[in-house]
Amino acid sequence: MAFSIILHISGEEAVQGEVDDLPTTSDTMIKVSNPHKLDGKDVHYLTETVSIVFWPVHRINFIEILPSKEQEAIIGFVRE
């Protein structure tokens, strides 16, 4: 199962992307696919055509996990 996430990287703008698995306490790197800024623009320090990036976990302040479309549909139904 893939997860959409927002990475809050120390000293950088937040980056949104997808991960196959959430990092565990023993991981030292996190693999992020399709990284981009929250507004959808390219991350300025990455090459334009990059589709996968590995970030060291020690540089990450925290990770937000975005709800899947199925979860949004359930939550949306409850909130209406």
Protein backbone atom coordinates (compact mmCIF):
# COMPACT_ATOMS: atom_id res chain seq x y z
CA MET A 1 0.00 0.00 0.00
CA ALA A 2 1.38 3.42 -0.96
CA PHE A 3 1.04 6.40 1.35
CA SER A 4 0.91 10.08 0.40
CA ILE A 5 3.03 12.04 2.85
CA ILE A 6 4.39 15.49 3.64
CA LEU A 7 7.99 15.52 4.85
CA HIS A 8 9.09 18.37 7.07
CA ILE A 9 12.83 18.49 6.48
CA SER A 10 15.11 20.42 8.81
CA GLY A 11 16.01 23.79 7.28
CA GLU A 12 13.97 23.22 4.08
CA GLU A 13 10.44 23.70 2.80
CA ALA A 14 8.03 20.81 3.25
CA VAL A 15 8.02 18.20 0.46
CA GLN A 16 5.05 16.10 -0.60
CA GLY A 17 5.39 12.66 -2.18
CA GLU A 18 4.53 8.99 -1.95
CA VAL A 19 6.16 6.15 -0.02
CA ASP A 20 5.57 2.41 -0.33
CA ASP A 21 6.12 1.85 3.39
CA LEU A 22 6.34 4.13 6.39
CA PRO A 23 9.78 4.28 8.02
CA THR A 24 10.45 2.15 11.08
CA THR A 25 12.57 3.06 14.08
CA SER A 26 15.55 1.19 12.60
CA ASP A 27 15.47 2.92 9.17
CA THR A 28 18.17 5.44 8.32
CA MET A 29 16.73 6.55 4.95
CA ILE A 30 13.25 7.15 3.55
CA LYS A 31 12.48 6.58 -0.14
CA VAL A 32 10.07 9.18 -1.57
CA SER A 33 8.54 8.92 -5.05
CA ASN A 34 7.36 11.93 -7.06
CA PRO A 35 8.68 14.61 -4.67
CA HIS A 36 7.28 18.13 -5.10
CA LYS A 37 6.52 21.23 -3.05
CA LEU A 38 3.10 21.58 -1.46
CA ASP A 39 1.98 23.90 -4.28
CA GLY A 40 2.88 21.22 -6.86
CA LYS A 41 6.03 22.94 -8.11
CA ASP A 42 9.42 21.25 -8.42
CA VAL A 43 11.75 21.17 -5.42
CA HIS A 44 14.42 23.73 -6.37
CA TYR A 45 17.42 21.64 -5.29
CA LEU A 46 16.35 18.49 -7.19
CA THR A 47 16.92 17.84 -10.88
CA GLU A 48 13.74 18.42 -12.88
CA THR A 49 13.39 14.80 -14.02
CA VAL A 50 13.96 13.13 -10.64
CA SER A 51 11.17 10.76 -9.64
CA ILE A 52 12.66 9.05 -6.54
CA VAL A 53 14.72 10.56 -3.71
CA PHE A 54 16.21 9.00 -0.57
CA TRP A 55 16.35 11.34 2.44
CA PRO A 56 18.24 10.55 5.63
CA VAL A 57 15.78 10.12 8.48
CA HIS A 58 17.91 12.25 10.83
CA ARG A 59 17.12 15.33 8.65
CA ILE A 60 13.35 14.87 8.99
CA ASN A 61 11.55 16.74 11.78
CA PHE A 62 8.24 14.93 11.27
CA ILE A 63 6.07 13.24 8.64
CA GLU A 64 2.40 13.91 7.92
CA ILE A 65 0.42 11.02 6.42
CA LEU A 66 -2.35 12.21 4.12
CA PRO A 67 -5.64 10.30 3.97
CA SER A 68 -6.28 8.06 0.99
CA LYS A 69 -9.22 8.76 -1.33
CA GLU A 70 -11.19 5.98 0.39
CA GLN A 71 -10.55 7.51 3.81
CA GLU A 72 -11.54 10.98 2.55
CA ALA A 73 -14.83 9.58 1.24
CA ILE A 74 -15.64 8.04 4.63
CA ILE A 75 -14.64 11.15 6.58
CA GLY A 76 -16.47 13.40 4.10
CA PHE A 77 -19.65 11.38 4.52
CA VAL A 78 -19.49 11.62 8.32
CA ARG A 79 -18.83 15.39 8.31
CA GLU A 80 -21.76 16.28 6.02
